[in-house]
């Protein structure tokens, strides 16, 4: 099985950040979780492409880039078994 997963937002369009003192950054947490999920899936034999946007300047560009990147990647169909 092969899948593609992505973190939301981009390194430029970062999303929300939490209040002090713990102040979580939404993009950083999305990337951390997405990369960890990718590691866990790989450890049980699932092929995973992790997609992280490091260049989009606004939300529309980010969404369009993520969709295009997912469509560009090879993965198993939802109906493949």
PDB file of N, CA and C in Angstrom:
ATOM      1  N   UNK A   1       0.845  -1.173   0.000  1.00  0.00           N
ATOM      2  CA  UNK A   1       0.000   0.000   0.000  1.00  0.00           C
ATOM      3  C   UNK A   1       0.887   1.233   0.000  1.00  0.00           C
ATOM      4  N   UNK A   2       0.464   2.257  -0.751  1.00  0.00           N
ATOM      5  CA  UNK A   2       1.178   3.527  -0.771  1.00  0.00           C
ATOM      6  C   UNK A   2       0.171   4.652  -0.647  1.00  0.00           C
ATOM      7  N   UNK A   3       0.458   5.605   0.239  1.00  0.00           N
ATOM      8  CA  UNK A   3      -0.410   6.758   0.465  1.00  0.00           C
ATOM      9  C   UNK A   3       0.414   8.044   0.439  1.00  0.00           C
ATOM     10  N   UNK A   4      -0.292   9.167   0.373  1.00  0.00           N
ATOM     11  CA  UNK A   4       0.329  10.493   0.436  1.00  0.00           C
ATOM     12  C   UNK A   4      -0.385  11.264   1.546  1.00  0.00           C
ATOM     13  N   UNK A   5       0.391  11.858   2.448  1.00  0.00           N
ATOM     14  CA  UNK A   5      -0.174  12.691   3.519  1.00  0.00           C
ATOM     15  C   UNK A   5       0.514  14.050   3.510  1.00  0.00           C
ATOM     16  N   UNK A   6      -0.178  15.057   4.016  1.00  0.00           N
ATOM     17  CA  UNK A   6       0.425  16.398   4.043  1.00  0.00           C
ATOM     18  C   UNK A   6       0.041  17.140   5.309  1.00  0.00           C
ATOM     19  N   UNK A   7       0.928  18.057   5.659  1.00  0.00           N
ATOM     20  CA  UNK A   7       0.663  18.987   6.758  1.00  0.00           C
ATOM     21  C   UNK A   7      -0.047  20.198   6.184  1.00  0.00           C
ATOM     22  N   UNK A   8      -0.969  20.751   6.930  1.00  0.00           N
ATOM     23  CA  UNK A   8      -1.656  21.952   6.472  1.00  0.00           C
ATOM     24  C   UNK A   8      -0.773  23.187   6.607  1.00  0.00           C
ATOM     25  N   UNK A   9      -1.169  24.232   5.922  1.00  0.00           N
ATOM     26  CA  UNK A   9      -0.476  25.517   5.920  1.00  0.00           C
ATOM     27  C   UNK A   9       0.868  25.404   5.203  1.00  0.00           C
ATOM     28  N   UNK A  10       1.676  26.433   5.298  1.00  0.00           N
ATOM     29  CA  UNK A  10       3.010  26.424   4.710  1.00  0.00           C
ATOM     30  C   UNK A  10       3.962  27.088   5.691  1.00  0.00           C
ATOM     31  N   UNK A  11       5.236  26.989   5.391  1.00  0.00           N
ATOM     32  CA  UNK A  11       6.213  27.611   6.289  1.00  0.00           C
ATOM     33  C   UNK A  11       6.085  29.133   6.290  1.00  0.00           C
ATOM     34  N   UNK A  12       5.380  29.683   5.301  1.00  0.00           N
ATOM     35  CA  UNK A  12       5.158  31.134   5.233  1.00  0.00           C
ATOM     36  C   UNK A  12       3.770  31.482   5.771  1.00  0.00           C
ATOM     37  N   UNK A  13       2.747  30.721   5.370  1.00  0.00           N
ATOM     38  CA  UNK A  13       1.373  30.891   5.853  1.00  0.00           C
ATOM     39  C   UNK A  13       1.198  29.892   6.987  1.00  0.00           C
ATOM     40  N   UNK A  14       1.579  30.267   8.188  1.00  0.00           N
ATOM     41  CA  UNK A  14       1.817  29.338   9.281  1.00  0.00           C
ATOM     42  C   UNK A  14       0.573  28.917  10.058  1.00  0.00           C
ATOM     43  N   UNK A  15      -0.510  29.618   9.923  1.00  0.00           N
ATOM     44  CA  UNK A  15      -1.681  29.297  10.738  1.00  0.00           C
ATOM     45  C   UNK A  15      -1.588  29.985  12.085  1.00  0.00           C
ATOM     46  N   UNK A  16      -2.292  29.438  13.059  1.00  0.00           N
ATOM     47  CA  UNK A  16      -2.373  30.053  14.381  1.00  0.00           C
ATOM     48  C   UNK A  16      -1.134  29.758  15.218  1.00  0.00           C
ATOM     49  N   UNK A  17      -0.922  30.612  16.214  1.00  0.00           N
ATOM     50  CA  UNK A  17       0.088  30.299  17.218  1.00  0.00           C
ATOM     51  C   UNK A  17      -0.534  30.524  18.590  1.00  0.00           C
ATOM     52  N   UNK A  18      -0.114  29.687  19.514  1.00  0.00           N
ATOM     53  CA  UNK A  18      -0.700  29.707  20.855  1.00  0.00           C
ATOM     54  C   UNK A  18      -0.138  30.818  21.712  1.00  0.00           C
ATOM     55  N   UNK A  19      -0.804  31.102  22.810  1.00  0.00           N
ATOM     56  CA  UNK A  19      -0.352  32.158  23.719  1.00  0.00           C
ATOM     57  C   UNK A  19       0.880  31.734  24.523  1.00  0.00           C
ATOM     58  N   UNK A  20       1.575  32.710  25.040  1.00  0.00           N
ATOM     59  CA  UNK A  20       2.709  32.443  25.929  1.00  0.00           C
ATOM     60  C   UNK A  20       2.190  31.774  27.191  1.00  0.00           C
ATOM     61  N   UNK A  21       2.926  30.980  27.868  1.00  0.00           N
ATOM     62  CA  UNK A  21       4.341  30.674  27.636  1.00  0.00           C
ATOM     63  C   UNK A  21       4.553  29.468  26.718  1.00  0.00           C
ATOM     64  N   UNK A  22       3.527  28.640  26.476  1.00  0.00           N
ATOM     65  CA  UNK A  22       3.757  27.428  25.706  1.00  0.00           C
ATOM     66  C   UNK A  22       3.688  27.679  24.214  1.00  0.00           C
ATOM     67  N   UNK A  23       2.912  28.599  23.729  1.00  0.00           N
ATOM     68  CA  UNK A  23       2.889  29.120  22.374  1.00  0.00           C
ATOM     69  C   UNK A  23       3.141  28.156  21.237  1.00  0.00           C
ATOM     70  N   UNK A  24       2.294  27.168  21.055  1.00  0.00           N
ATOM     71  CA  UNK A  24       2.458  26.238  19.943  1.00  0.00           C
ATOM     72  C   UNK A  24       2.211  26.941  18.612  1.00  0.00           C
ATOM     73  N   UNK A  25       3.012  26.610  17.606  1.00  0.00           N
ATOM     74  CA  UNK A  25       2.870  27.132  16.259  1.00  0.00           C
ATOM     75  C   UNK A  25       2.175  26.065  15.412  1.00  0.00           C
ATOM     76  N   UNK A  26       1.058  26.427  14.778  1.00  0.00           N
ATOM     77  CA  UNK A  26       0.248  25.443  14.062  1.00  0.00           C
ATOM     78  C   UNK A  26       1.026  24.730  12.961  1.00  0.00           C
ATOM     79  N   UNK A  27       1.794  25.452  12.149  1.00  0.00           N
ATOM     80  CA  UNK A  27       2.558  24.811  11.085  1.00  0.00           C
ATOM     81  C   UNK A  27       3.585  23.838  11.662  1.00  0.00           C
ATOM     82  N   UNK A  28       4.333  24.266  12.671  1.00  0.00           N
ATOM     83  CA  UNK A  28       5.337  23.379  13.266  1.00  0.00           C
ATOM     84  C   UNK A  28       4.706  22.104  13.813  1.00  0.00           C
ATOM     85  N   UNK A  29       3.573  22.244  14.489  1.00  0.00           N
ATOM     86  CA  UNK A  29       2.896  21.060  15.045  1.00  0.00           C
ATOM     87  C   UNK A  29       2.336  20.169  13.943  1.00  0.00           C
ATOM     88  N   UNK A  30       1.766  20.774  12.891  1.00  0.00           N
ATOM     89  CA  UNK A  30       1.277  19.980  11.752  1.00  0.00           C
ATOM     90  C   UNK A  30       2.400  19.155  11.139  1.00  0.00           C
ATOM     91  N   UNK A  31       3.552  19.780  10.933  1.00  0.00           N
ATOM     92  CA  UNK A  31       4.689  19.074  10.340  1.00  0.00           C
ATOM     93  C   UNK A  31       5.158  17.960  11.271  1.00  0.00           C
ATOM     94  N   UNK A  32       5.261  18.246  12.549  1.00  0.00           N
ATOM     95  CA  UNK A  32       5.712  17.254  13.523  1.00  0.00           C
ATOM     96  C   UNK A  32       4.792  16.024  13.520  1.00  0.00           C
ATOM     97  N   UNK A  33       3.482  16.266  13.550  1.00  0.00           N
ATOM     98  CA  UNK A  33       2.523  15.156  13.568  1.00  0.00           C
ATOM     99  C   UNK A  33       2.551  14.397  12.247  1.00  0.00           C
ATOM    100  N   UNK A  34       2.560  15.105  11.131  1.00  0.00           N
ATOM    101  CA  UNK A  34       2.555  14.457   9.820  1.00  0.00           C
ATOM    102  C   UNK A  34       3.801  13.598   9.626  1.00  0.00           C
ATOM    103  N   UNK A  35       4.962  14.119   9.977  1.00  0.00           N
ATOM    104  CA  UNK A  35       6.195  13.334   9.834  1.00  0.00           C
ATOM    105  C   UNK A  35       6.182  12.109  10.749  1.00  0.00           C
ATOM    106  N   UNK A  36       5.663  12.253  11.959  1.00  0.00           N
ATOM    107  CA  UNK A  36       5.599  11.115  12.889  1.00  0.00           C
ATOM    108  C   UNK A  36       4.627  10.048  12.392  1.00  0.00           C
ATOM    109  N   UNK A  37       3.472  10.465  11.904  1.00  0.00           N
ATOM    110  CA  UNK A  37       2.517   9.507  11.331  1.00  0.00           C
ATOM    111  C   UNK A  37       3.172   8.775  10.159  1.00  0.00           C
ATOM    112  N   UNK A  38       3.903   9.509   9.321  1.00  0.00           N
ATOM    113  CA  UNK A  38       4.624   8.872   8.218  1.00  0.00           C
ATOM    114  C   UNK A  38       5.606   7.824   8.720  1.00  0.00           C
ATOM    115  N   UNK A  39       6.366   8.144   9.752  1.00  0.00           N
ATOM    116  CA  UNK A  39       7.322   7.185  10.332  1.00  0.00           C
ATOM    117  C   UNK A  39       6.607   5.938  10.848  1.00  0.00           C
ATOM    118  N   UNK A  40       5.517   6.148  11.574  1.00  0.00           N
ATOM    119  CA  UNK A  40       4.784   5.005  12.137  1.00  0.00           C
ATOM    120  C   UNK A  40       4.198   4.119  11.046  1.00  0.00           C
ATOM    121  N   UNK A  41       3.644   4.728  10.017  1.00  0.00           N
ATOM    122  CA  UNK A  41       3.101   3.931   8.917  1.00  0.00           C
ATOM    123  C   UNK A  41       4.193   3.156   8.189  1.00  0.00           C
ATOM    124  N   UNK A  42       5.319   3.815   7.948  1.00  0.00           N
ATOM    125  CA  UNK A  42       6.444   3.112   7.296  1.00  0.00           C
ATOM    126  C   UNK A  42       6.919   1.930   8.135  1.00  0.00           C
ATOM    127  N   UNK A  43       6.884   2.067   9.459  1.00  0.00           N
ATOM    128  CA  UNK A  43       7.372   1.001  10.337  1.00  0.00           C
ATOM    129  C   UNK A  43       6.514  -0.256  10.260  1.00  0.00           C
ATOM    130  N   UNK A  44       5.288  -0.130   9.750  1.00  0.00           N
ATOM    131  CA  UNK A  44       4.430  -1.309   9.587  1.00  0.00           C
ATOM    132  C   UNK A  44       4.249  -1.662   8.110  1.00  0.00           C
ATOM    133  N   UNK A  45       5.123  -1.127   7.270  1.00  0.00           N
ATOM    134  CA  UNK A  45       5.164  -1.534   5.877  1.00  0.00           C
ATOM    135  C   UNK A  45       4.338  -0.733   4.893  1.00  0.00           C
ATOM    136  N   UNK A  46       3.797   0.390   5.321  1.00  0.00           N
ATOM    137  CA  UNK A  46       3.022   1.229   4.407  1.00  0.00           C
ATOM    138  C   UNK A  46       3.977   2.208   3.722  1.00  0.00           C
ATOM    139  N   UNK A  47       3.868   2.335   2.413  1.00  0.00           N
ATOM    140  CA  UNK A  47       4.642   3.335   1.675  1.00  0.00           C
ATOM    141  C   UNK A  47       3.989   4.690   1.857  1.00  0.00           C
ATOM    142  N   UNK A  48       4.761   5.678   2.256  1.00  0.00           N
ATOM    143  CA  UNK A  48       4.194   7.000   2.559  1.00  0.00           C
ATOM    144  C   UNK A  48       5.054   8.091   1.928  1.00  0.00           C
ATOM    145  N   UNK A  49       4.407   8.998   1.199  1.00  0.00           N
ATOM    146  CA  UNK A  49       5.031  10.256   0.793  1.00  0.00           C
ATOM    147  C   UNK A  49       4.478  11.330   1.716  1.00  0.00           C
ATOM    148  N   UNK A  50       5.357  12.073   2.361  1.00  0.00           N
ATOM    149  CA  UNK A  50       4.951  13.192   3.215  1.00  0.00           C
ATOM    150  C   UNK A  50       5.172  14.474   2.427  1.00  0.00           C
ATOM    151  N   UNK A  51       4.141  15.301   2.319  1.00  0.00           N
ATOM    152  CA  UNK A  51       4.190  16.534   1.551  1.00  0.00           C
ATOM    153  C   UNK A  51       4.143  17.717   2.521  1.00  0.00           C
ATOM    154  N   UNK A  52       5.164  18.580   2.430  1.00  0.00           N
ATOM    155  CA  UNK A  52       5.241  19.783   3.277  1.00  0.00           C
ATOM    156  C   UNK A  52       5.434  20.989   2.360  1.00  0.00           C
ATOM    157  N   UNK A  53       4.580  21.986   2.494  1.00  0.00           N
ATOM    158  CA  UNK A  53       4.667  23.194   1.667  1.00  0.00           C
ATOM    159  C   UNK A  53       5.624  24.192   2.324  1.00  0.00           C
ATOM    160  N   UNK A  54       6.688  24.525   1.621  1.00  0.00           N
ATOM    161  CA  UNK A  54       7.672  25.475   2.158  1.00  0.00           C
ATOM    162  C   UNK A  54       7.741  26.766   1.348  1.00  0.00           C
ATOM    163  N   UNK A  55       6.773  26.987   0.457  1.00  0.00           N
ATOM    164  CA  UNK A  55       6.923  28.157  -0.408  1.00  0.00           C
ATOM    165  C   UNK A  55       5.670  28.992  -0.649  1.00  0.00           C
ATOM    166  N   UNK A  56       4.472  28.485  -0.392  1.00  0.00           N
ATOM    167  CA  UNK A  56       3.251  29.246  -0.706  1.00  0.00           C
ATOM    168  C   UNK A  56       3.160  30.512   0.135  1.00  0.00           C
ATOM    169  N   UNK A  57       2.738  31.606  -0.531  1.00  0.00           N
ATOM    170  CA  UNK A  57       2.666  32.916   0.123  1.00  0.00           C
ATOM    171  C   UNK A  57       1.290  33.265   0.676  1.00  0.00           C
ATOM    172  N   UNK A  58       0.246  32.533   0.255  1.00  0.00           N
ATOM    173  CA  UNK A  58      -1.087  32.804   0.779  1.00  0.00           C
ATOM    174  C   UNK A  58      -1.893  31.514   0.822  1.00  0.00           C
ATOM    175  N   UNK A  59      -3.058  31.579   1.462  1.00  0.00           N
ATOM    176  CA  UNK A  59      -3.852  30.375   1.695  1.00  0.00           C
ATOM    177  C   UNK A  59      -4.316  29.724   0.392  1.00  0.00           C
ATOM    178  N   UNK A  60      -4.751  30.517  -0.575  1.00  0.00           N
ATOM    179  CA  UNK A  60      -5.195  29.950  -1.850  1.00  0.00           C
ATOM    180  C   UNK A  60      -4.057  29.223  -2.555  1.00  0.00           C
ATOM    181  N   UNK A  61      -2.892  29.846  -2.594  1.00  0.00           N
ATOM    182  CA  UNK A  61      -1.734  29.200  -3.225  1.00  0.00           C
ATOM    183  C   UNK A  61      -1.388  27.903  -2.492  1.00  0.00           C
ATOM    184  N   UNK A  62      -1.452  27.936  -1.164  1.00  0.00           N
ATOM    185  CA  UNK A  62      -1.161  26.751  -0.361  1.00  0.00           C
ATOM    186  C   UNK A  62      -2.117  25.613  -0.693  1.00  0.00           C
ATOM    187  N   UNK A  63      -3.404  25.887  -0.691  1.00  0.00           N
ATOM    188  CA  UNK A  63      -4.390  24.849  -0.991  1.00  0.00           C
ATOM    189  C   UNK A  63      -4.215  24.303  -2.405  1.00  0.00           C
ATOM    190  N   UNK A  64      -4.025  25.193  -3.378  1.00  0.00           N
ATOM    191  CA  UNK A  64      -3.827  24.750  -4.760  1.00  0.00           C
ATOM    192  C   UNK A  64      -2.559  23.920  -4.913  1.00  0.00           C
ATOM    193  N   UNK A  65      -1.482  24.328  -4.244  1.00  0.00           N
ATOM    194  CA  UNK A  65      -0.232  23.578  -4.332  1.00  0.00           C
ATOM    195  C   UNK A  65      -0.376  22.193  -3.704  1.00  0.00           C
ATOM    196  N   UNK A  66      -1.005  22.128  -2.537  1.00  0.00           N
ATOM    197  CA  UNK A  66      -1.191  20.828  -1.879  1.00  0.00           C
ATOM    198  C   UNK A  66      -2.028  19.877  -2.737  1.00  0.00           C
ATOM    199  N   UNK A  67      -3.110  20.383  -3.321  1.00  0.00           N
ATOM    200  CA  UNK A  67      -3.942  19.545  -4.188  1.00  0.00           C
ATOM    201  C   UNK A  67      -3.139  19.063  -5.387  1.00  0.00           C
ATOM    202  N   UNK A  68      -2.432  19.967  -6.047  1.00  0.00           N
ATOM    203  CA  UNK A  68      -1.636  19.594  -7.216  1.00  0.00           C
ATOM    204  C   UNK A  68      -0.547  18.593  -6.842  1.00  0.00           C
ATOM    205  N   UNK A  69       0.075  18.793  -5.702  1.00  0.00           N
ATOM    206  CA  UNK A  69       1.152  17.893  -5.270  1.00  0.00           C
ATOM    207  C   UNK A  69       0.604  16.505  -4.946  1.00  0.00           C
ATOM    208  N   UNK A  70      -0.529  16.448  -4.280  1.00  0.00           N
ATOM    209  CA  UNK A  70      -1.155  15.150  -4.010  1.00  0.00           C
ATOM    210  C   UNK A  70      -1.508  14.452  -5.324  1.00  0.00           C
ATOM    211  N   UNK A  71      -2.066  15.186  -6.271  1.00  0.00           N
ATOM    212  CA  UNK A  71      -2.452  14.598  -7.547  1.00  0.00           C
ATOM    213  C   UNK A  71      -1.246  14.139  -8.355  1.00  0.00           C
ATOM    214  N   UNK A  72      -0.102  14.791  -8.174  1.00  0.00           N
ATOM    215  CA  UNK A  72       1.115  14.451  -8.899  1.00  0.00           C
ATOM    216  C   UNK A  72       1.743  13.156  -8.390  1.00  0.00           C
ATOM    217  N   UNK A  73       1.543  12.845  -7.117  1.00  0.00           N
ATOM    218  CA  UNK A  73       2.188  11.691  -6.483  1.00  0.00           C
ATOM    219  C   UNK A  73       1.476  10.382  -6.838  1.00  0.00           C
ATOM    220  N   UNK A  74       2.247   9.313  -6.884  1.00  0.00           N
ATOM    221  CA  UNK A  74       1.693   7.985  -7.105  1.00  0.00           C
ATOM    222  C   UNK A  74       1.282   7.387  -5.772  1.00  0.00           C
ATOM    223  N   UNK A  75       0.079   6.837  -5.737  1.00  0.00           N
ATOM    224  CA  UNK A  75      -0.434   6.210  -4.523  1.00  0.00           C
ATOM    225  C   UNK A  75      -1.471   5.190  -4.925  1.00  0.00           C
ATOM    226  N   UNK A  76      -1.851   4.349  -3.997  1.00  0.00           N
ATOM    227  CA  UNK A  76      -2.889   3.362  -4.265  1.00  0.00           C
ATOM    228  C   UNK A  76      -4.244   4.038  -4.290  1.00  0.00           C
ATOM    229  N   UNK A  77      -5.113   3.517  -5.107  1.00  0.00           N
ATOM    230  CA  UNK A  77      -6.483   4.008  -5.181  1.00  0.00           C
ATOM    231  C   UNK A  77      -7.204   3.692  -3.875  1.00  0.00           C
ATOM    232  N   UNK A  78      -8.207   4.470  -3.554  1.00  0.00           N
ATOM    233  CA  UNK A  78      -8.993   4.237  -2.338  1.00  0.00           C
ATOM    234  C   UNK A  78      -9.698   2.891  -2.381  1.00  0.00           C
ATOM    235  N   UNK A  79      -9.909   2.364  -3.581  1.00  0.00           N
ATOM    236  CA  UNK A  79     -10.626   1.100  -3.724  1.00  0.00           C
ATOM    237  C   UNK A  79      -9.695  -0.084  -3.891  1.00  0.00           C
ATOM    238  N   UNK A  80      -8.394   0.158  -3.961  1.00  0.00           N
ATOM    239  CA  UNK A  80      -7.442  -0.947  -4.116  1.00  0.00           C
ATOM    240  C   UNK A  80      -7.351  -1.751  -2.819  1.00  0.00           C
ATOM    241  N   UNK A  81      -7.300  -3.029  -2.943  1.00  0.00           N
ATOM    242  CA  UNK A  81      -7.175  -3.875  -1.756  1.00  0.00           C
ATOM    243  C   UNK A  81      -6.193  -4.971  -2.026  1.00  0.00           C
TER     244      UNK A  81
END
